[in-house]
C-alpha atoms as a PDB file:
ATOM      1  CA  MET A   1     111.577  76.463  97.831  1.00  0.00           C
ATOM      2  CA  ASN A   2     114.146  77.322  95.171  1.00  0.00           C
ATOM      3  CA  ASP A   3     113.768  78.247  91.506  1.00  0.00           C
ATOM      4  CA  GLU A   4     114.848  74.800  90.361  1.00  0.00           C
ATOM      5  CA  ALA A   5     112.101  73.114  92.360  1.00  0.00           C
ATOM      6  CA  LEU A   6     109.519  75.465  90.930  1.00  0.00           C
ATOM      7  CA  THR A   7     110.499  74.853  87.322  1.00  0.00           C
ATOM      8  CA  VAL A   8     109.768  71.126  87.475  1.00  0.00           C
ATOM      9  CA  THR A   9     107.054  70.424  84.917  1.00  0.00           C
ATOM     10  CA  ARG A  10     103.686  69.556  86.438  1.00  0.00           C
ATOM     11  CA  THR A  11     101.351  67.431  84.356  1.00  0.00           C
ATOM     12  CA  LEU A  12      97.781  68.717  84.247  1.00  0.00           C
ATOM     13  CA  THR A  13      94.887  66.274  84.272  1.00  0.00           C
ATOM     14  CA  GLY A  14      91.203  66.358  83.433  1.00  0.00           C
ATOM     15  CA  LYS A  15      90.598  67.407  87.029  1.00  0.00           C
ATOM     16  CA  SER A  16      92.933  70.391  86.927  1.00  0.00           C
ATOM     17  CA  LYS A  17      91.756  73.584  88.610  1.00  0.00           C
ATOM     18  CA  ILE A  18      92.307  76.525  86.270  1.00  0.00           C
ATOM     19  CA  ALA A  19      92.304  80.261  86.892  1.00  0.00           C
ATOM     20  CA  GLY A  20      93.877  83.205  85.104  1.00  0.00           C
ATOM     21  CA  VAL A  21      94.279  86.950  84.796  1.00  0.00           C
ATOM     22  CA  PHE A  22      92.714  89.284  82.211  1.00  0.00           C
ATOM     23  CA  GLY A  23      94.628  92.448  81.327  1.00  0.00           C
ATOM     24  CA  TYR A  24      95.599  94.566  78.337  1.00  0.00           C
ATOM     25  CA  PRO A  25      98.523  94.400  78.246  1.00  0.00           C
ATOM     26  CA  VAL A  26      99.147  91.584  80.701  1.00  0.00           C
ATOM     27  CA  ASP A  27     102.829  90.746  80.187  1.00  0.00           C
ATOM     28  CA  HIS A  28     103.820  92.964  83.139  1.00  0.00           C
ATOM     29  CA  SER A  29     101.704  90.974  85.604  1.00  0.00           C
ATOM     30  CA  ARG A  30     103.543  89.111  88.371  1.00  0.00           C
ATOM     31  CA  SER A  31     100.396  87.160  89.250  1.00  0.00           C
ATOM     32  CA  PRO A  32     101.263  84.067  87.154  1.00  0.00           C
ATOM     33  CA  ARG A  33     104.644  83.834  88.887  1.00  0.00           C
ATOM     34  CA  LEU A  34     103.100  84.390  92.303  1.00  0.00           C
ATOM     35  CA  HIS A  35     100.278  81.865  91.912  1.00  0.00           C
ATOM     36  CA  GLY A  36     102.633  79.464  90.165  1.00  0.00           C
ATOM     37  CA  PHE A  37     104.826  79.454  93.275  1.00  0.00           C
ATOM     38  CA  TRP A  38     101.898  78.493  95.488  1.00  0.00           C
ATOM     39  CA  LEU A  39     100.635  75.853  93.050  1.00  0.00           C
ATOM     40  CA  ALA A  40     104.061  74.193  93.014  1.00  0.00           C
ATOM     41  CA  GLN A  41     104.540  74.607  96.760  1.00  0.00           C
ATOM     42  CA  HIS A  42     101.293  72.777  97.522  1.00  0.00           C
ATOM     43  CA  GLY A  43     101.522  70.255  94.681  1.00  0.00           C
ATOM     44  CA  ILE A  44      98.161  71.341  93.281  1.00  0.00           C
ATOM     45  CA  ASP A  45      96.863  69.935  90.012  1.00  0.00           C
ATOM     46  CA  GLY A  46      96.130  73.322  88.494  1.00  0.00           C
ATOM     47  CA  ALA A  47      97.345  76.324  86.524  1.00  0.00           C
ATOM     48  CA  TYR A  48      97.096  80.101  86.462  1.00  0.00           C
ATOM     49  CA  VAL A  49      97.151  81.564  82.955  1.00  0.00           C
ATOM     50  CA  PRO A  50      97.631  85.151  81.673  1.00  0.00           C
ATOM     51  CA  PHE A  51      95.185  86.409  79.028  1.00  0.00           C
ATOM     52  CA  ALA A  52      95.860  89.542  76.974  1.00  0.00           C
ATOM     53  CA  THR A  53      92.235  90.554  76.541  1.00  0.00           C
ATOM     54  CA  HIS A  54      91.243  93.626  74.549  1.00  0.00           C
ATOM     55  CA  PRO A  55      88.569  95.716  76.311  1.00  0.00           C
ATOM     56  CA  ARG A  56      86.032  94.957  73.558  1.00  0.00           C
ATOM     57  CA  ASP A  57      86.458  91.220  74.245  1.00  0.00           C
ATOM     58  CA  LEU A  58      86.230  91.391  78.037  1.00  0.00           C
ATOM     59  CA  PRO A  59      82.462  90.701  78.331  1.00  0.00           C
ATOM     60  CA  ARG A  60      82.704  87.513  76.273  1.00  0.00           C
ATOM     61  CA  ALA A  61      85.870  86.418  78.091  1.00  0.00           C
ATOM     62  CA  VAL A  62      84.434  86.848  81.579  1.00  0.00           C
ATOM     63  CA  ARG A  63      81.108  85.219  80.760  1.00  0.00           C
ATOM     64  CA  ALA A  64      82.921  82.239  79.180  1.00  0.00           C
ATOM     65  CA  LEU A  65      84.654  81.274  82.426  1.00  0.00           C
ATOM     66  CA  PRO A  66      81.951  78.908  83.741  1.00  0.00           C
ATOM     67  CA  SER A  67      81.460  77.093  80.428  1.00  0.00           C
ATOM     68  CA  LEU A  68      85.211  76.579  80.091  1.00  0.00           C
ATOM     69  CA  GLY A  69      85.460  75.081  83.563  1.00  0.00           C
ATOM     70  CA  PHE A  70      87.512  77.901  85.086  1.00  0.00           C
ATOM     71  CA  ARG A  71      87.421  78.388  88.849  1.00  0.00           C
ATOM     72  CA  GLY A  72      87.736  82.147  88.350  1.00  0.00           C
ATOM     73  CA  GLY A  73      90.498  84.657  87.876  1.00  0.00           C
ATOM     74  CA  ASN A  74      91.782  88.180  88.280  1.00  0.00           C
ATOM     75  CA  VAL A  75      91.155  91.310  86.267  1.00  0.00           C
ATOM     76  CA  THR A  76      93.788  94.013  86.097  1.00  0.00           C
ATOM     77  CA  LEU A  77      94.081  97.308  84.233  1.00  0.00           C
ATOM     78  CA  PRO A  78      92.145  98.466  82.296  1.00  0.00           C
ATOM     79  CA  HIS A  79      89.382  96.012  83.213  1.00  0.00           C
ATOM     80  CA  LYS A  80      88.686  96.507  86.921  1.00  0.00           C
ATOM     81  CA  GLU A  81      85.811  98.958  86.618  1.00  0.00           C
ATOM     82  CA  PRO A  82      84.121  97.425  83.529  1.00  0.00           C
ATOM     83  CA  ALA A  83      84.205  93.977  85.197  1.00  0.00           C
ATOM     84  CA  LEU A  84      81.891  95.288  87.906  1.00  0.00           C
ATOM     85  CA  GLY A  85      79.007  95.158  85.434  1.00  0.00           C
ATOM     86  CA  LEU A  86      79.862  91.743  84.008  1.00  0.00           C
ATOM     87  CA  VAL A  87      79.382  89.552  87.082  1.00  0.00           C
ATOM     88  CA  ASP A  88      76.235  88.117  88.636  1.00  0.00           C
ATOM     89  CA  GLU A  89      76.909  89.413  92.132  1.00  0.00           C
ATOM     90  CA  VAL A  90      79.452  91.680  93.801  1.00  0.00           C
ATOM     91  CA  THR A  91      80.678  91.784  97.371  1.00  0.00           C
ATOM     92  CA  ARG A  92      79.945  94.848  99.469  1.00  0.00           C
ATOM     93  CA  VAL A  93      83.585  95.917  99.430  1.00  0.00           C
ATOM     94  CA  ALA A  94      83.765  95.684  95.621  1.00  0.00           C
ATOM     95  CA  GLN A  95      80.592  97.758  95.391  1.00  0.00           C
ATOM     96  CA  ARG A  96      82.067 100.395  97.694  1.00  0.00           C
ATOM     97  CA  ILE A  97      85.344 100.513  95.805  1.00  0.00           C
ATOM     98  CA  GLY A  98      83.570 100.547  92.459  1.00  0.00           C
ATOM     99  CA  ALA A  99      85.842  97.974  90.866  1.00  0.00           C
ATOM    100  CA  VAL A 100      86.486  94.233  90.717  1.00  0.00           C
ATOM    101  CA  ASN A 101      89.862  92.516  90.710  1.00  0.00           C
ATOM    102  CA  THR A 102      88.852  88.945  91.614  1.00  0.00           C
ATOM    103  CA  LEU A 103      86.323  86.643  89.947  1.00  0.00           C
ATOM    104  CA  VAL A 104      85.029  83.455  91.564  1.00  0.00           C
ATOM    105  CA  VAL A 105      82.951  80.940  89.601  1.00  0.00           C
ATOM    106  CA  ARG A 106      80.508  79.334  92.014  1.00  0.00           C
ATOM    107  CA  GLU A 107      79.082  75.808  91.851  1.00  0.00           C
ATOM    108  CA  ASP A 108      75.886  76.986  90.155  1.00  0.00           C
ATOM    109  CA  GLY A 109      77.935  78.659  87.396  1.00  0.00           C
ATOM    110  CA  SER A 110      77.325  82.213  88.582  1.00  0.00           C
ATOM    111  CA  ILE A 111      80.246  84.622  88.911  1.00  0.00           C
ATOM    112  CA  LEU A 112      81.006  86.565  92.072  1.00  0.00           C
ATOM    113  CA  GLY A 113      83.037  89.756  91.767  1.00  0.00           C
ATOM    114  CA  ASP A 114      85.248  90.803  94.660  1.00  0.00           C
ATOM    115  CA  ASN A 115      87.976  93.369  95.281  1.00  0.00           C
ATOM    116  CA  THR A 116      90.954  92.332  97.390  1.00  0.00           C
ATOM    117  CA  ASP A 117      93.150  95.411  96.861  1.00  0.00           C
ATOM    118  CA  GLY A 118      92.095  96.986 100.162  1.00  0.00           C
ATOM    119  CA  PHE A 119      92.527  93.664 101.936  1.00  0.00           C
ATOM    120  CA  GLY A 120      96.037  93.345 100.518  1.00  0.00           C
ATOM    121  CA  PHE A 121      96.924  96.897 101.511  1.00  0.00           C
ATOM    122  CA  LEU A 122      95.749  96.453 105.095  1.00  0.00           C
ATOM    123  CA  ALA A 123      97.114  92.922 105.562  1.00  0.00           C
ATOM    124  CA  ASN A 124     100.547  94.084 104.425  1.00  0.00           C
ATOM    125  CA  LEU A 125     100.449  97.058 106.787  1.00  0.00           C
ATOM    126  CA  GLU A 126      99.411  94.945 109.761  1.00  0.00           C
ATOM    127  CA  ALA A 127     101.997  92.247 108.999  1.00  0.00           C
ATOM    128  CA  ALA A 128     104.875  94.680 108.507  1.00  0.00           C
ATOM    129  CA  GLN A 129     104.027  96.992 111.423  1.00  0.00           C
ATOM    130  CA  THR A 130     102.265  94.957 114.097  1.00  0.00           C
ATOM    131  CA  GLY A 131     102.141  97.944 116.439  1.00  0.00           C
ATOM    132  CA  TRP A 132     100.174 100.160 114.076  1.00  0.00           C
ATOM    133  CA  GLN A 133      96.738 101.134 115.366  1.00  0.00           C
ATOM    134  CA  PRO A 134      93.987 102.565 113.125  1.00  0.00           C
ATOM    135  CA  ASP A 135      93.015 105.110 115.761  1.00  0.00           C
ATOM    136  CA  ALA A 136      96.577 106.461 116.057  1.00  0.00           C
ATOM    137  CA  GLY A 137      95.558 109.500 114.008  1.00  0.00           C
ATOM    138  CA  PRO A 138      94.459 110.641 110.565  1.00  0.00           C
ATOM    139  CA  ALA A 139      95.960 109.052 107.458  1.00  0.00           C
ATOM    140  CA  VAL A 140      97.427 111.193 104.692  1.00  0.00           C
ATOM    141  CA  LEU A 141      96.933 109.599 101.283  1.00  0.00           C
ATOM    142  CA  LEU A 142      98.658 110.834  98.131  1.00  0.00           C
ATOM    143  CA  GLY A 143      96.880 109.993  94.890  1.00  0.00           C
ATOM    144  CA  ALA A 144      93.294 109.571  93.714  1.00  0.00           C
ATOM    145  CA  GLY A 145      93.416 106.600  91.347  1.00  0.00           C
ATOM    146  CA  GLY A 146      91.869 103.157  91.641  1.00  0.00           C
ATOM    147  CA  ALA A 147      94.312 102.017  94.302  1.00  0.00           C
ATOM    148  CA  ALA A 148      93.544 105.115  96.374  1.00  0.00           C
ATOM    149  CA  ARG A 149      89.844 104.329  96.415  1.00  0.00           C
ATOM    150  CA  ALA A 150      90.469 100.795  97.694  1.00  0.00           C
ATOM    151  CA  ILE A 151      92.892 102.120 100.311  1.00  0.00           C
ATOM    152  CA  VAL A 152      90.440 104.741 101.612  1.00  0.00           C
ATOM    153  CA  VAL A 153      87.699 102.137 102.011  1.00  0.00           C
ATOM    154  CA  ALA A 154      90.057  99.750 103.821  1.00  0.00           C
ATOM    155  CA  LEU A 155      91.365 102.430 106.182  1.00  0.00           C
ATOM    156  CA  LEU A 156      87.966 103.853 107.115  1.00  0.00           C
ATOM    157  CA  GLU A 157      86.446 100.402 107.621  1.00  0.00           C
ATOM    158  CA  ALA A 158      89.423  99.521 109.849  1.00  0.00           C
ATOM    159  CA  GLY A 159      88.718 102.516 112.084  1.00  0.00           C
ATOM    160  CA  VAL A 160      90.996 105.320 110.865  1.00  0.00           C
ATOM    161  CA  PRO A 161      89.215 108.514 111.983  1.00  0.00           C
ATOM    162  CA  GLU A 162      90.019 110.624 108.912  1.00  0.00           C
ATOM    163  CA  VAL A 163      91.750 110.391 105.553  1.00  0.00           C
ATOM    164  CA  ARG A 164      93.414 113.539 104.234  1.00  0.00           C
ATOM    165  CA  LEU A 165      93.499 113.134 100.467  1.00  0.00           C
ATOM    166  CA  ALA A 166      95.942 115.058  98.254  1.00  0.00           C
ATOM    167  CA  ASN A 167      96.284 114.698  94.499  1.00  0.00           C
ATOM    168  CA  ARG A 168      98.119 116.702  91.850  1.00  0.00           C
ATOM    169  CA  THR A 169      94.772 117.241  90.100  1.00  0.00           C
ATOM    170  CA  GLN A 170      92.598 118.493  92.930  1.00  0.00           C
ATOM    171  CA  ARG A 171      89.295 118.042  91.118  1.00  0.00           C
ATOM    172  CA  ARG A 172      89.961 114.335  90.820  1.00  0.00           C
ATOM    173  CA  ALA A 173      90.502 114.119  94.573  1.00  0.00           C
ATOM    174  CA  GLU A 174      87.268 116.027  95.168  1.00  0.00           C
ATOM    175  CA  GLU A 175      85.365 113.677  92.861  1.00  0.00           C
ATOM    176  CA  LEU A 176      86.782 110.666  94.683  1.00  0.00           C
ATOM    177  CA  ALA A 177      85.812 112.080  98.080  1.00  0.00           C
ATOM    178  CA  GLU A 178      82.292 112.809  96.851  1.00  0.00           C
ATOM    179  CA  ALA A 179      81.891 109.324  95.382  1.00  0.00           C
ATOM    180  CA  LEU A 180      83.135 107.678  98.573  1.00  0.00           C
ATOM    181  CA  ASP A 181      80.715 109.690 100.694  1.00  0.00           C
ATOM    182  CA  VAL A 182      77.891 108.164  98.665  1.00  0.00           C
ATOM    183  CA  ALA A 183      79.367 104.650  98.564  1.00  0.00           C
ATOM    184  CA  LEU A 184      80.260 104.460 102.258  1.00  0.00           C
ATOM    185  CA  GLY A 185      77.382 106.394 103.799  1.00  0.00           C
ATOM    186  CA  GLY A 186      76.458 106.213 107.462  1.00  0.00           C
ATOM    187  CA  ASP A 187      79.078 107.188 110.018  1.00  0.00           C
ATOM    188  CA  LEU A 188      81.898 106.747 107.463  1.00  0.00           C
ATOM    189  CA  ALA A 189      80.637 109.538 105.220  1.00  0.00           C
ATOM    190  CA  GLY A 190      82.449 112.859 105.490  1.00  0.00           C
ATOM    191  CA  ARG A 191      85.699 111.369 106.753  1.00  0.00           C
ATOM    192  CA  VAL A 192      87.670 112.028 103.560  1.00  0.00           C
ATOM    193  CA  LYS A 193      89.094 115.562 103.644  1.00  0.00           C
ATOM    194  CA  VAL A 194      90.631 116.901 100.439  1.00  0.00           C
ATOM    195  CA  VAL A 195      93.768 119.000 100.857  1.00  0.00           C
ATOM    196  CA  THR A 196      95.558 120.789  98.050  1.00  0.00           C
ATOM    197  CA  TRP A 197      98.739 119.298  96.639  1.00  0.00           C
ATOM    198  CA  HIS A 198     100.495 122.510  97.665  1.00  0.00           C
ATOM    199  CA  HIS A 199      99.556 121.856 101.316  1.00  0.00           C
ATOM    200  CA  ARG A 200     100.382 118.155 101.388  1.00  0.00           C
ATOM    201  CA  ASP A 201     103.361 118.663 103.711  1.00  0.00           C
ATOM    202  CA  ALA A 202     101.295 120.608 106.264  1.00  0.00           C
ATOM    203  CA  ALA A 203      98.644 117.856 106.197  1.00  0.00           C
ATOM    204  CA  LEU A 204     101.175 115.536 107.871  1.00  0.00           C
ATOM    205  CA  ASP A 205     100.739 117.321 111.209  1.00  0.00           C
ATOM    206  CA  GLY A 206      99.288 114.834 113.717  1.00  0.00           C
ATOM    207  CA  ALA A 207      99.015 112.014 111.169  1.00  0.00           C
ATOM    208  CA  GLY A 208      99.422 108.396 112.170  1.00  0.00           C
ATOM    209  CA  LEU A 209     100.014 107.130 108.638  1.00  0.00           C
ATOM    210  CA  LEU A 210     101.328 108.474 105.328  1.00  0.00           C
ATOM    211  CA  VAL A 211     100.566 106.509 102.162  1.00  0.00           C
ATOM    212  CA  ASN A 212     101.846 107.148  98.646  1.00  0.00           C
ATOM    213  CA  SER A 213      99.512 105.587  96.077  1.00  0.00           C
ATOM    214  CA  THR A 214     100.860 107.624  93.146  1.00  0.00           C
ATOM    215  CA  GLN A 215     103.522 106.492  90.674  1.00  0.00           C
ATOM    216  CA  LEU A 216     105.849 109.260  91.851  1.00  0.00           C
ATOM    217  CA  GLY A 217     109.108 107.713  93.013  1.00  0.00           C
ATOM    218  CA  GLN A 218     108.629 104.616  90.864  1.00  0.00           C
ATOM    219  CA  ALA A 219     111.433 103.648  88.512  1.00  0.00           C
ATOM    220  CA  GLY A 220     111.144 105.750  85.368  1.00  0.00           C
ATOM    221  CA  GLN A 221     108.784 108.266  86.987  1.00  0.00           C
ATOM    222  CA  PRO A 222     109.462 111.710  88.505  1.00  0.00           C
ATOM    223  CA  PRO A 223     110.451 111.737  92.193  1.00  0.00           C
ATOM    224  CA  LEU A 224     107.953 112.456  94.948  1.00  0.00           C
ATOM    225  CA  ASP A 225     108.801 115.817  96.466  1.00  0.00           C
ATOM    226  CA  MET A 226     107.751 115.531 100.122  1.00  0.00           C
ATOM    227  CA  ASN A 227     108.947 117.332 103.245  1.00  0.00           C
ATOM    228  CA  LEU A 228     108.397 115.061 106.242  1.00  0.00           C
ATOM    229  CA  GLU A 229     109.232 117.639 108.903  1.00  0.00           C
ATOM    230  CA  ALA A 230     105.630 117.874 110.186  1.00  0.00           C
ATOM    231  CA  LEU A 231     105.143 114.093 110.341  1.00  0.00           C
ATOM    232  CA  PRO A 232     105.116 112.707 113.916  1.00  0.00           C
ATOM    233  CA  PRO A 233     108.018 110.301 114.650  1.00  0.00           C
ATOM    234  CA  SER A 234     105.466 107.639 115.610  1.00  0.00           C
ATOM    235  CA  ALA A 235     103.754 107.689 112.200  1.00  0.00           C
ATOM    236  CA  VAL A 236     104.118 104.855 109.679  1.00  0.00           C
ATOM    237  CA  VAL A 237     105.113 105.624 106.068  1.00  0.00           C
ATOM    238  CA  TYR A 238     103.779 103.243 103.415  1.00  0.00           C
ATOM    239  CA  ASP A 239     104.633 103.378  99.698  1.00  0.00           C
ATOM    240  CA  ILE A 240     102.656 101.015  97.453  1.00  0.00           C
ATOM    241  CA  VAL A 241     105.363 101.341  94.788  1.00  0.00           C
ATOM    242  CA  TYR A 242     107.623  98.263  94.751  1.00  0.00           C
ATOM    243  CA  VAL A 243     110.011  99.152  91.921  1.00  0.00           C
ATOM    244  CA  PRO A 244     112.328 100.114  93.549  1.00  0.00           C
ATOM    245  CA  LEU A 245     111.509  98.238  96.742  1.00  0.00           C
ATOM    246  CA  GLU A 246     112.857 101.097  98.864  1.00  0.00           C
ATOM    247  CA  THR A 247     111.663 104.322  97.287  1.00  0.00           C
ATOM    248  CA  PRO A 248     113.214 107.708  98.125  1.00  0.00           C
ATOM    249  CA  LEU A 249     110.151 108.391 100.310  1.00  0.00           C
ATOM    250  CA  LEU A 250     110.766 105.263 102.366  1.00  0.00           C
ATOM    251  CA  ALA A 251     114.485 105.995 102.596  1.00  0.00           C
ATOM    252  CA  ALA A 252     113.797 109.522 103.867  1.00  0.00           C
ATOM    253  CA  ALA A 253     111.246 108.244 106.397  1.00  0.00           C
ATOM    254  CA  LYS A 254     113.601 105.546 107.641  1.00  0.00           C
ATOM    255  CA  ALA A 255     116.430 108.078 108.017  1.00  0.00           C
ATOM    256  CA  ARG A 256     114.313 110.177 110.378  1.00  0.00           C
ATOM    257  CA  GLY A 257     113.176 107.167 112.411  1.00  0.00           C
ATOM    258  CA  ASN A 258     109.700 106.495 111.057  1.00  0.00           C
ATOM    259  CA  ALA A 259     108.536 102.913 110.587  1.00  0.00           C
ATOM    260  CA  THR A 260     108.109 102.006 106.904  1.00  0.00           C
ATOM    261  CA  VAL A 261     106.177  99.542 104.735  1.00  0.00           C
ATOM    262  CA  ASP A 262     107.087  98.701 101.125  1.00  0.00           C
ATOM    263  CA  GLY A 263     104.579  97.903  98.391  1.00  0.00           C
ATOM    264  CA  LEU A 264     105.526  94.328  97.516  1.00  0.00           C
ATOM    265  CA  GLY A 265     103.524  92.851 100.381  1.00  0.00           C
ATOM    266  CA  MET A 266     100.329  94.476  99.085  1.00  0.00           C
ATOM    267  CA  LEU A 267     100.777  92.626  95.787  1.00  0.00           C
ATOM    268  CA  LEU A 268     101.308  89.340  97.620  1.00  0.00           C
ATOM    269  CA  HIS A 269      98.518  89.658 100.179  1.00  0.00           C
ATOM    270  CA  GLN A 270      95.851  90.751  97.683  1.00  0.00           C
ATOM    271  CA  ALA A 271      96.334  87.414  95.908  1.00  0.00           C
ATOM    272  CA  ARG A 272      95.559  85.265  98.950  1.00  0.00           C
ATOM    273  CA  PRO A 273      91.717  85.295  98.906  1.00  0.00           C
ATOM    274  CA  GLY A 274      91.513  84.430  95.221  1.00  0.00           C
ATOM    275  CA  PHE A 275      93.961  81.541  95.476  1.00  0.00           C
ATOM    276  CA  ALA A 276      92.031  80.108  98.430  1.00  0.00           C
ATOM    277  CA  ALA A 277      88.729  80.353  96.542  1.00  0.00           C
ATOM    278  CA  TRP A 278      90.025  78.773  93.331  1.00  0.00           C
ATOM    279  CA  PHE A 279      92.416  76.132  94.591  1.00  0.00           C
ATOM    280  CA  GLY A 280      91.126  75.314  98.093  1.00  0.00           C
ATOM    281  CA  VAL A 281      94.304  76.134 100.002  1.00  0.00           C
ATOM    282  CA  GLU A 282      95.035  79.134 102.245  1.00  0.00           C
ATOM    283  CA  PRO A 283      98.436  80.349 100.974  1.00  0.00           C
ATOM    284  CA  GLN A 284     101.021  81.991 103.194  1.00  0.00           C
ATOM    285  CA  ILE A 285     103.292  84.968 102.620  1.00  0.00           C
ATOM    286  CA  THR A 286     106.829  83.761 103.320  1.00  0.00           C
ATOM    287  CA  PRO A 287     110.357  85.123 102.802  1.00  0.00           C
ATOM    288  CA  ALA A 288     110.839  82.480 100.100  1.00  0.00           C
ATOM    289  CA  LEU A 289     107.824  83.791  98.212  1.00  0.00           C
ATOM    290  CA  ARG A 290     109.015  87.404  98.482  1.00  0.00           C
ATOM    291  CA  ASP A 291     112.455  86.429  97.199  1.00  0.00           C
ATOM    292  CA  PHE A 292     110.979  84.451  94.309  1.00  0.00           C
ATOM    293  CA  VAL A 293     108.753  87.312  93.151  1.00  0.00           C
ATOM    294  CA  LEU A 294     111.545  89.869  93.651  1.00  0.00           C
ATOM    295  CA  LYS A 295     113.767  87.954  91.234  1.00  0.00           C
ATOM    296  CA  ASP A 296     111.336  88.916  88.467  1.00  0.00           C
ATOM    297  CA  ILE A 297     111.387  92.622  89.355  1.00  0.00           C
ATOM    298  CA  PRO A 298     114.065  94.805  87.740  1.00  0.00           C
END
């Protein structure tokens, strides 16, 4: 599907299915473009609308969704954690992550909160590197923000034996590890090992996966200083940054023969469950979709 086909005006009706995204700001979000592609592709009578919602207005905005006839929506920064307390029920994965990024209005008018960030991370990894196995070895994860928490939960639930967590502010990594021990519990507790930022290169020894969830290496940000010498040749290197699409980390990994995964697919895959819930169609990740979204990325 080309740009011209997607710009044809679709007339909404009284039966239109409506969803949207709450953020502050929200003008950076690619979600309207992404969901708009799928709506046009499937000829759905519906729309996906961006809402610049100030944090003080978020409770009223979320609770208004059922009365306005919305099917649901997404919440992005800075609303993911506050939204957890604004819904009627949360999925187990959202509870474990401690944040919500997807809202689904159910037939009885109640709102379900879910988090699809971990799903998107893992689906992208499995699609891009079909030979990757969770039990191939420990994962080294750089960063301790919201994305990191979702990634840790996804990796441990998939069967990765250990996550070695390194962050520039070590206390934040320690707090994340402690919180995840409580949230995960059972046999998954104790599998997050904090390593100092200074020892991040040594932590690569024996790893099956390296993930950068920081902004280092992103356009306009400082570079990620990483020596990959200790990383096994069989390990996969995954950078959730997608501007640029090939970060210096991915370029260095590719040059030494490691398999790589870029961050765009995570953005695309995390949107799939919400679209299916709101609009009743299971969307697919295709080269045409990637190209369409990439055209909106500097």
